[in-house]
Full PDB file with SEQRES, HELIX, SHEET, SSBOND, CRYST1, ORIGX, SCALE, CONECT and MASTER records, all heavy atoms in Angstrom:
SEQRES   1 A   35  SER PRO THR GLN ASN LEU THR TYR GLN ASN THR ALA THR          
SEQRES   2 A   35  PRO VAL ALA ASN PRO VAL ASN THR THR THR TYR CYS VAL          
SEQRES   3 A   35  SER ALA ILE ASP ASN HIS GLY CYS LYS                          
CRYST1    1.000    1.000    1.000  90.00  90.00  90.00 P 1           1          
ORIGX1      1.000000  0.000000  0.000000        0.00000                         
ORIGX2      0.000000  1.000000  0.000000        0.00000                         
ORIGX3      0.000000  0.000000  1.000000        0.00000                         
SCALE1      1.000000  0.000000  0.000000        0.00000                         
SCALE2      0.000000  1.000000  0.000000        0.00000                         
SCALE3      0.000000  0.000000  1.000000        0.00000                         
ATOM      1  N   SER A   1      -2.071  12.592   3.064  1.00  0.00           N  
ATOM      2  CA  SER A   1      -2.955  13.600   3.667  1.00  0.00           C  
ATOM      3  C   SER A   1      -4.389  13.042   3.448  1.00  0.00           C  
ATOM      4  O   SER A   1      -4.667  12.257   2.498  1.00  0.00           O  
ATOM      5  CB  SER A   1      -2.828  14.930   2.915  1.00  0.00           C  
ATOM      6  OG  SER A   1      -3.214  14.815   1.571  1.00  0.00           O  
ATOM      7  N   PRO A   2      -5.325  13.380   4.332  1.00  0.00           N  
ATOM      8  CA  PRO A   2      -5.055  14.207   5.535  1.00  0.00           C  
ATOM      9  C   PRO A   2      -4.288  13.411   6.606  1.00  0.00           C  
ATOM     10  O   PRO A   2      -4.156  12.209   6.472  1.00  0.00           O  
ATOM     11  CB  PRO A   2      -6.488  14.486   6.049  1.00  0.00           C  
ATOM     12  CG  PRO A   2      -7.280  13.286   5.577  1.00  0.00           C  
ATOM     13  CD  PRO A   2      -6.668  12.912   4.221  1.00  0.00           C  
ATOM     14  N   THR A   3      -3.766  14.114   7.556  1.00  0.00           N  
ATOM     15  CA  THR A   3      -2.889  13.492   8.506  1.00  0.00           C  
ATOM     16  C   THR A   3      -3.615  13.080   9.767  1.00  0.00           C  
ATOM     17  O   THR A   3      -3.036  12.373  10.592  1.00  0.00           O  
ATOM     18  CB  THR A   3      -1.735  14.496   8.984  1.00  0.00           C  
ATOM     19  OG1 THR A   3      -2.343  15.689   9.461  1.00  0.00           O  
ATOM     20  CG2 THR A   3      -0.904  14.881   7.707  1.00  0.00           C  
ATOM     21  N   GLN A   4      -4.859  13.462   9.970  1.00  0.00           N  
ATOM     22  CA  GLN A   4      -5.629  13.077  11.102  1.00  0.00           C  
ATOM     23  C   GLN A   4      -5.791  11.567  11.140  1.00  0.00           C  
ATOM     24  O   GLN A   4      -6.043  10.913  10.124  1.00  0.00           O  
ATOM     25  CB  GLN A   4      -7.003  13.744  11.137  1.00  0.00           C  
ATOM     26  CG  GLN A   4      -6.918  15.255  11.361  1.00  0.00           C  
ATOM     27  CD  GLN A   4      -6.733  15.963  10.055  1.00  0.00           C  
ATOM     28  OE1 GLN A   4      -6.547  15.416   8.993  1.00  0.00           O  
ATOM     29  NE2 GLN A   4      -6.764  17.300  10.131  1.00  0.00           N  
ATOM     30  N   ASN A   5      -5.582  10.986  12.337  1.00  0.00           N  
ATOM     31  CA  ASN A   5      -5.742   9.527  12.559  1.00  0.00           C  
ATOM     32  C   ASN A   5      -4.853   8.737  11.672  1.00  0.00           C  
ATOM     33  O   ASN A   5      -5.167   7.611  11.215  1.00  0.00           O  
ATOM     34  CB  ASN A   5      -7.218   9.099  12.377  1.00  0.00           C  
ATOM     35  CG  ASN A   5      -8.167   9.883  13.278  1.00  0.00           C  
ATOM     36  OD1 ASN A   5      -7.969   9.917  14.490  1.00  0.00           O  
ATOM     37  ND2 ASN A   5      -9.128  10.541  12.655  1.00  0.00           N  
ATOM     38  N   LEU A   6      -3.661   9.301  11.461  1.00  0.00           N  
ATOM     39  CA  LEU A   6      -2.691   8.615  10.531  1.00  0.00           C  
ATOM     40  C   LEU A   6      -1.271   8.675  11.239  1.00  0.00           C  
ATOM     41  O   LEU A   6      -0.889   9.771  11.642  1.00  0.00           O  
ATOM     42  CB  LEU A   6      -2.654   9.344   9.183  1.00  0.00           C  
ATOM     43  CG  LEU A   6      -1.988   8.570   8.016  1.00  0.00           C  
ATOM     44  CD1 LEU A   6      -2.760   7.320   7.619  1.00  0.00           C  
ATOM     45  CD2 LEU A   6      -1.727   9.511   6.851  1.00  0.00           C  
ATOM     46  N   THR A   7      -0.686   7.536  11.306  1.00  0.00           N  
ATOM     47  CA  THR A   7       0.680   7.497  11.868  1.00  0.00           C  
ATOM     48  C   THR A   7       1.731   7.584  10.760  1.00  0.00           C  
ATOM     49  O   THR A   7       1.516   6.995   9.725  1.00  0.00           O  
ATOM     50  CB  THR A   7       0.949   6.255  12.712  1.00  0.00           C  
ATOM     51  OG1 THR A   7       0.804   5.100  11.835  1.00  0.00           O  
ATOM     52  CG2 THR A   7      -0.141   6.152  13.815  1.00  0.00           C  
ATOM     53  N   TYR A   8       2.815   8.275  11.021  1.00  0.00           N  
ATOM     54  CA  TYR A   8       3.926   8.291  10.106  1.00  0.00           C  
ATOM     55  C   TYR A   8       3.502   8.641   8.660  1.00  0.00           C  
ATOM     56  O   TYR A   8       3.565   7.815   7.765  1.00  0.00           O  
ATOM     57  CB  TYR A   8       4.700   6.921  10.085  1.00  0.00           C  
ATOM     58  CG  TYR A   8       5.046   6.487  11.495  1.00  0.00           C  
ATOM     59  CD1 TYR A   8       4.450   5.390  12.021  1.00  0.00           C  
ATOM     60  CD2 TYR A   8       6.033   7.106  12.196  1.00  0.00           C  
ATOM     61  CE1 TYR A   8       4.769   4.929  13.267  1.00  0.00           C  
ATOM     62  CE2 TYR A   8       6.356   6.721  13.501  1.00  0.00           C  
ATOM     63  CZ  TYR A   8       5.735   5.612  14.049  1.00  0.00           C  
ATOM     64  OH  TYR A   8       6.037   5.186  15.313  1.00  0.00           O  
ATOM     65  N   GLN A   9       3.046   9.857   8.439  1.00  0.00           N  
ATOM     66  CA  GLN A   9       2.560  10.316   7.181  1.00  0.00           C  
ATOM     67  C   GLN A   9       3.626  10.276   6.107  1.00  0.00           C  
ATOM     68  O   GLN A   9       3.277  10.251   4.853  1.00  0.00           O  
ATOM     69  CB  GLN A   9       2.009  11.729   7.279  1.00  0.00           C  
ATOM     70  CG  GLN A   9       2.992  12.790   7.464  1.00  0.00           C  
ATOM     71  CD  GLN A   9       2.463  14.138   7.475  1.00  0.00           C  
ATOM     72  OE1 GLN A   9       2.157  14.715   8.537  1.00  0.00           O  
ATOM     73  NE2 GLN A   9       2.211  14.673   6.272  1.00  0.00           N  
ATOM     74  N   ASN A  10       4.913  10.226   6.477  1.00  0.00           N  
ATOM     75  CA  ASN A  10       5.977  10.265   5.453  1.00  0.00           C  
ATOM     76  C   ASN A  10       6.531   8.870   5.143  1.00  0.00           C  
ATOM     77  O   ASN A  10       7.675   8.764   4.769  1.00  0.00           O  
ATOM     78  CB  ASN A  10       7.099  11.194   5.873  1.00  0.00           C  
ATOM     79  CG  ASN A  10       6.645  12.655   6.014  1.00  0.00           C  
ATOM     80  OD1 ASN A  10       5.646  13.057   5.322  1.00  0.00           O  
ATOM     81  ND2 ASN A  10       7.234  13.399   6.805  1.00  0.00           N  
ATOM     82  N   THR A  11       5.728   7.884   5.325  1.00  0.00           N  
ATOM     83  CA  THR A  11       6.129   6.524   4.973  1.00  0.00           C  
ATOM     84  C   THR A  11       5.220   5.917   3.928  1.00  0.00           C  
ATOM     85  O   THR A  11       4.146   6.438   3.745  1.00  0.00           O  
ATOM     86  CB  THR A  11       6.119   5.600   6.213  1.00  0.00           C  
ATOM     87  OG1 THR A  11       6.651   4.303   5.932  1.00  0.00           O  
ATOM     88  CG2 THR A  11       4.711   5.473   6.823  1.00  0.00           C  
ATOM     89  N   ALA A  12       5.709   4.896   3.272  1.00  0.00           N  
ATOM     90  CA  ALA A  12       4.843   4.240   2.245  1.00  0.00           C  
ATOM     91  C   ALA A  12       3.619   3.537   2.860  1.00  0.00           C  
ATOM     92  O   ALA A  12       2.553   3.476   2.233  1.00  0.00           O  
ATOM     93  CB  ALA A  12       5.677   3.295   1.439  1.00  0.00           C  
ATOM     94  N   THR A  13       3.757   3.061   4.103  1.00  0.00           N  
ATOM     95  CA  THR A  13       2.695   2.225   4.657  1.00  0.00           C  
ATOM     96  C   THR A  13       2.329   2.733   6.082  1.00  0.00           C  
ATOM     97  O   THR A  13       2.651   2.090   7.084  1.00  0.00           O  
ATOM     98  CB  THR A  13       3.208   0.770   4.784  1.00  0.00           C  
ATOM     99  OG1 THR A  13       4.473   0.720   5.459  1.00  0.00           O  
ATOM    100  CG2 THR A  13       3.401   0.160   3.381  1.00  0.00           C  
ATOM    101  N   PRO A  14       1.702   3.872   6.144  1.00  0.00           N  
ATOM    102  CA  PRO A  14       1.226   4.358   7.437  1.00  0.00           C  
ATOM    103  C   PRO A  14       0.045   3.568   7.954  1.00  0.00           C  
ATOM    104  O   PRO A  14      -0.645   2.938   7.202  1.00  0.00           O  
ATOM    105  CB  PRO A  14       0.929   5.772   7.165  1.00  0.00           C  
ATOM    106  CG  PRO A  14       0.411   5.784   5.765  1.00  0.00           C  
ATOM    107  CD  PRO A  14       1.295   4.746   5.094  1.00  0.00           C  
ATOM    108  N   VAL A  15      -0.190   3.625   9.240  1.00  0.00           N  
ATOM    109  CA  VAL A  15      -1.334   3.016   9.848  1.00  0.00           C  
ATOM    110  C   VAL A  15      -2.449   4.039  10.018  1.00  0.00           C  
ATOM    111  O   VAL A  15      -2.219   5.137  10.529  1.00  0.00           O  
ATOM    112  CB  VAL A  15      -1.051   2.428  11.257  1.00  0.00           C  
ATOM    113  CG1 VAL A  15      -2.243   1.839  11.890  1.00  0.00           C  
ATOM    114  CG2 VAL A  15       0.092   1.349  11.117  1.00  0.00           C  
ATOM    115  N   ALA A  16      -3.653   3.680   9.488  1.00  0.00           N  
ATOM    116  CA  ALA A  16      -4.823   4.611   9.608  1.00  0.00           C  
ATOM    117  C   ALA A  16      -5.902   4.070  10.439  1.00  0.00           C  
ATOM    118  O   ALA A  16      -6.238   2.868  10.393  1.00  0.00           O  
ATOM    119  CB  ALA A  16      -5.330   4.834   8.182  1.00  0.00           C  
ATOM    120  N   ASN A  17      -6.460   4.931  11.353  1.00  0.00           N  
ATOM    121  CA  ASN A  17      -7.619   4.477  12.135  1.00  0.00           C  
ATOM    122  C   ASN A  17      -8.636   5.611  12.224  1.00  0.00           C  
ATOM    123  O   ASN A  17      -8.909   6.176  13.257  1.00  0.00           O  
ATOM    124  CB  ASN A  17      -7.133   4.073  13.534  1.00  0.00           C  
ATOM    125  CG  ASN A  17      -6.422   5.161  14.274  1.00  0.00           C  
ATOM    126  OD1 ASN A  17      -5.987   6.190  13.649  1.00  0.00           O  
ATOM    127  ND2 ASN A  17      -6.202   5.028  15.560  1.00  0.00           N  
ATOM    128  N   PRO A  18      -9.170   5.910  11.069  1.00  0.00           N  
ATOM    129  CA  PRO A  18     -10.140   6.994  10.987  1.00  0.00           C  
ATOM    130  C   PRO A  18     -11.487   6.624  11.683  1.00  0.00           C  
ATOM    131  O   PRO A  18     -11.841   5.482  11.782  1.00  0.00           O  
ATOM    132  CB  PRO A  18     -10.359   7.218   9.515  1.00  0.00           C  
ATOM    133  CG  PRO A  18     -10.186   5.884   8.923  1.00  0.00           C  
ATOM    134  CD  PRO A  18      -9.024   5.276   9.755  1.00  0.00           C  
ATOM    135  N   VAL A  19     -12.167   7.636  12.172  1.00  0.00           N  
ATOM    136  CA  VAL A  19     -13.438   7.396  12.861  1.00  0.00           C  
ATOM    137  C   VAL A  19     -14.632   7.444  11.847  1.00  0.00           C  
ATOM    138  O   VAL A  19     -15.692   6.972  12.087  1.00  0.00           O  
ATOM    139  CB  VAL A  19     -13.685   8.385  13.992  1.00  0.00           C  
ATOM    140  CG1 VAL A  19     -12.679   8.255  15.097  1.00  0.00           C  
ATOM    141  CG2 VAL A  19     -13.658   9.812  13.465  1.00  0.00           C  
ATOM    142  N   ASN A  20     -14.357   8.027  10.696  1.00  0.00           N  
ATOM    143  CA  ASN A  20     -15.354   8.146   9.626  1.00  0.00           C  
ATOM    144  C   ASN A  20     -14.723   7.787   8.337  1.00  0.00           C  
ATOM    145  O   ASN A  20     -13.469   7.690   8.159  1.00  0.00           O  
ATOM    146  CB  ASN A  20     -15.910   9.575   9.534  1.00  0.00           C  
ATOM    147  CG  ASN A  20     -16.495  10.063  10.801  1.00  0.00           C  
ATOM    148  OD1 ASN A  20     -17.458   9.419  11.239  1.00  0.00           O  
ATOM    149  ND2 ASN A  20     -16.134  11.209  11.280  1.00  0.00           N  
ATOM    150  N   THR A  21     -15.529   7.465   7.315  1.00  0.00           N  
ATOM    151  CA  THR A  21     -14.989   7.118   6.037  1.00  0.00           C  
ATOM    152  C   THR A  21     -14.091   8.275   5.522  1.00  0.00           C  
ATOM    153  O   THR A  21     -14.556   9.463   5.531  1.00  0.00           O  
ATOM    154  CB  THR A  21     -16.155   6.889   4.947  1.00  0.00           C  
ATOM    155  OG1 THR A  21     -16.877   5.723   5.437  1.00  0.00           O  
ATOM    156  CG2 THR A  21     -15.644   6.699   3.589  1.00  0.00           C  
ATOM    157  N   THR A  22     -12.905   7.997   5.065  1.00  0.00           N  
ATOM    158  CA  THR A  22     -11.938   9.008   4.677  1.00  0.00           C  
ATOM    159  C   THR A  22     -11.230   8.605   3.425  1.00  0.00           C  
ATOM    160  O   THR A  22     -10.938   7.437   3.143  1.00  0.00           O  
ATOM    161  CB  THR A  22     -10.867   9.143   5.785  1.00  0.00           C  
ATOM    162  OG1 THR A  22     -11.511   9.465   7.046  1.00  0.00           O  
ATOM    163  CG2 THR A  22      -9.900  10.343   5.461  1.00  0.00           C  
ATOM    164  N   THR A  23     -11.023   9.659   2.548  1.00  0.00           N  
ATOM    165  CA  THR A  23     -10.195   9.450   1.330  1.00  0.00           C  
ATOM    166  C   THR A  23      -8.789   9.940   1.667  1.00  0.00           C  
ATOM    167  O   THR A  23      -8.563  11.113   1.972  1.00  0.00           O  
ATOM    168  CB  THR A  23     -10.805  10.168   0.119  1.00  0.00           C  
ATOM    169  OG1 THR A  23     -12.058   9.651  -0.162  1.00  0.00           O  
ATOM    170  CG2 THR A  23      -9.965  10.032  -1.113  1.00  0.00           C  
ATOM    171  N   TYR A  24      -7.888   9.086   1.564  1.00  0.00           N  
ATOM    172  CA  TYR A  24      -6.393   9.404   1.781  1.00  0.00           C  
ATOM    173  C   TYR A  24      -5.665   9.501   0.418  1.00  0.00           C  
ATOM    174  O   TYR A  24      -5.852   8.631  -0.471  1.00  0.00           O  
ATOM    175  CB  TYR A  24      -5.733   8.323   2.635  1.00  0.00           C  
ATOM    176  CG  TYR A  24      -6.152   8.307   4.074  1.00  0.00           C  
ATOM    177  CD1 TYR A  24      -7.089   7.417   4.549  1.00  0.00           C  
ATOM    178  CD2 TYR A  24      -5.650   9.232   4.978  1.00  0.00           C  
ATOM    179  CE1 TYR A  24      -7.488   7.392   5.858  1.00  0.00           C  
ATOM    180  CE2 TYR A  24      -6.050   9.242   6.300  1.00  0.00           C  
ATOM    181  CZ  TYR A  24      -6.991   8.323   6.728  1.00  0.00           C  
ATOM    182  OH  TYR A  24      -7.356   8.320   8.030  1.00  0.00           O  
ATOM    183  N   CYS A  25      -4.918  10.598   0.270  1.00  0.00           N  
ATOM    184  CA  CYS A  25      -4.171  10.808  -0.933  1.00  0.00           C  
ATOM    185  C   CYS A  25      -2.646  10.778  -0.601  1.00  0.00           C  
ATOM    186  O   CYS A  25      -2.264  11.341   0.424  1.00  0.00           O  
ATOM    187  CB  CYS A  25      -4.555  12.092  -1.672  1.00  0.00           C  
ATOM    188  SG  CYS A  25      -6.237  12.114  -2.219  1.00  0.00           S  
ATOM    189  N   VAL A  26      -1.871  10.210  -1.465  1.00  0.00           N  
ATOM    190  CA  VAL A  26      -0.379  10.211  -1.290  1.00  0.00           C  
ATOM    191  C   VAL A  26       0.270  10.918  -2.431  1.00  0.00           C  
ATOM    192  O   VAL A  26      -0.029  10.659  -3.634  1.00  0.00           O  
ATOM    193  CB  VAL A  26       0.130   8.769  -1.128  1.00  0.00           C  
ATOM    194  CG1 VAL A  26      -0.195   7.896  -2.410  1.00  0.00           C  
ATOM    195  CG2 VAL A  26       1.662   8.757  -0.819  1.00  0.00           C  
ATOM    196  N   SER A  27       1.122  11.812  -2.088  1.00  0.00           N  
ATOM    197  CA  SER A  27       2.023  12.476  -3.072  1.00  0.00           C  
ATOM    198  C   SER A  27       3.396  11.853  -2.880  1.00  0.00           C  
ATOM    199  O   SER A  27       3.980  11.840  -1.779  1.00  0.00           O  
ATOM    200  CB  SER A  27       2.112  13.995  -2.865  1.00  0.00           C  
ATOM    201  OG  SER A  27       0.871  14.662  -3.085  1.00  0.00           O  
ATOM    202  N   ALA A  28       3.891  11.272  -3.983  1.00  0.00           N  
ATOM    203  CA  ALA A  28       5.181  10.515  -3.915  1.00  0.00           C  
ATOM    204  C   ALA A  28       6.177  11.040  -4.949  1.00  0.00           C  
ATOM    205  O   ALA A  28       5.794  11.448  -6.041  1.00  0.00           O  
ATOM    206  CB  ALA A  28       4.877   9.047  -4.170  1.00  0.00           C  
ATOM    207  N   ILE A  29       7.449  10.968  -4.538  1.00  0.00           N  
ATOM    208  CA  ILE A  29       8.494  11.536  -5.380  1.00  0.00           C  
ATOM    209  C   ILE A  29       9.521  10.423  -5.617  1.00  0.00           C  
ATOM    210  O   ILE A  29       9.892   9.680  -4.699  1.00  0.00           O  
ATOM    211  CB  ILE A  29       9.195  12.703  -4.659  1.00  0.00           C  
ATOM    212  CG1 ILE A  29       8.215  13.836  -4.377  1.00  0.00           C  
ATOM    213  CG2 ILE A  29      10.364  13.275  -5.497  1.00  0.00           C  
ATOM    214  CD1 ILE A  29       8.732  14.925  -3.560  1.00  0.00           C  
ATOM    215  N   ASP A  30      10.011  10.300  -6.915  1.00  0.00           N  
ATOM    216  CA  ASP A  30      10.996   9.337  -7.209  1.00  0.00           C  
ATOM    217  C   ASP A  30      12.402   9.873  -7.196  1.00  0.00           C  
ATOM    218  O   ASP A  30      12.581  11.010  -6.778  1.00  0.00           O  
ATOM    219  CB  ASP A  30      10.657   8.637  -8.600  1.00  0.00           C  
ATOM    220  CG  ASP A  30      10.845   9.643  -9.758  1.00  0.00           C  
ATOM    221  OD1 ASP A  30      11.386  10.760  -9.506  1.00  0.00           O  
ATOM    222  OD2 ASP A  30      10.379   9.340 -10.870  1.00  0.00           O  
ATOM    223  N   ASN A  31      13.380   9.060  -7.623  1.00  0.00           N  
ATOM    224  CA  ASN A  31      14.801   9.460  -7.597  1.00  0.00           C  
ATOM    225  C   ASN A  31      15.099  10.619  -8.495  1.00  0.00           C  
ATOM    226  O   ASN A  31      16.111  11.336  -8.280  1.00  0.00           O  
ATOM    227  CB  ASN A  31      15.707   8.285  -7.961  1.00  0.00           C  
ATOM    228  CG  ASN A  31      15.732   7.236  -6.871  1.00  0.00           C  
ATOM    229  OD1 ASN A  31      15.761   7.563  -5.725  1.00  0.00           O  
ATOM    230  ND2 ASN A  31      15.762   5.982  -7.218  1.00  0.00           N  
ATOM    231  N   HIS A  32      14.286  10.924  -9.471  1.00  0.00           N  
ATOM    232  CA  HIS A  32      14.514  12.064 -10.377  1.00  0.00           C  
ATOM    233  C   HIS A  32      13.832  13.325  -9.886  1.00  0.00           C  
ATOM    234  O   HIS A  32      13.889  14.373 -10.540  1.00  0.00           O  
ATOM    235  CB  HIS A  32      13.977  11.722 -11.786  1.00  0.00           C  
ATOM    236  CG  HIS A  32      14.618  10.561 -12.454  1.00  0.00           C  
ATOM    237  ND1 HIS A  32      15.918  10.607 -12.937  1.00  0.00           N  
ATOM    238  CD2 HIS A  32      14.179   9.295 -12.723  1.00  0.00           C  
ATOM    239  CE1 HIS A  32      16.258   9.435 -13.407  1.00  0.00           C  
ATOM    240  NE2 HIS A  32      15.248   8.654 -13.319  1.00  0.00           N  
ATOM    241  N   GLY A  33      13.118  13.209  -8.755  1.00  0.00           N  
ATOM    242  CA  GLY A  33      12.433  14.401  -8.213  1.00  0.00           C  
ATOM    243  C   GLY A  33      11.074  14.533  -8.895  1.00  0.00           C  
ATOM    244  O   GLY A  33      10.390  15.591  -8.587  1.00  0.00           O  
ATOM    245  N   CYS A  34      10.647  13.596  -9.681  1.00  0.00           N  
ATOM    246  CA  CYS A  34       9.257  13.699 -10.246  1.00  0.00           C  
ATOM    247  C   CYS A  34       8.223  13.279  -9.234  1.00  0.00           C  
ATOM    248  O   CYS A  34       8.437  12.287  -8.522  1.00  0.00           O  
ATOM    249  CB  CYS A  34       9.254  12.825 -11.509  1.00  0.00           C  
ATOM    250  SG  CYS A  34      10.358  13.363 -12.783  1.00  0.00           S  
ATOM    251  N   LYS A  35       7.119  13.923  -9.258  1.00  0.00           N  
ATOM    252  CA  LYS A  35       6.074  13.629  -8.284  1.00  0.00           C  
ATOM    253  C   LYS A  35       4.765  13.240  -8.934  1.00  0.00           C  
ATOM    254  O   LYS A  35       4.391  13.789 -10.013  1.00  0.00           O  
ATOM    255  CB  LYS A  35       5.783  14.923  -7.425  1.00  0.00           C  
ATOM    256  CG  LYS A  35       4.744  14.722  -6.287  1.00  0.00           C  
ATOM    257  CD  LYS A  35       4.792  15.850  -5.323  1.00  0.00           C  
ATOM    258  CE  LYS A  35       4.242  17.207  -5.952  1.00  0.00           C  
ATOM    259  NZ  LYS A  35       4.095  18.188  -4.932  1.00  0.00           N  
TER     260      LYS A  35                                                      
MASTER        0    0    0    0    0    0    0    6  259    1    0    3          
END                                                                             
């Protein structure tokens, strides 16, 4: 997130093409369900 100007937000390596400086954050879950 955020999802604007971002492809495939549910992948490890999405492509971003923002028009302005943007901070992207990723919430990730492992095999134990820990985030």
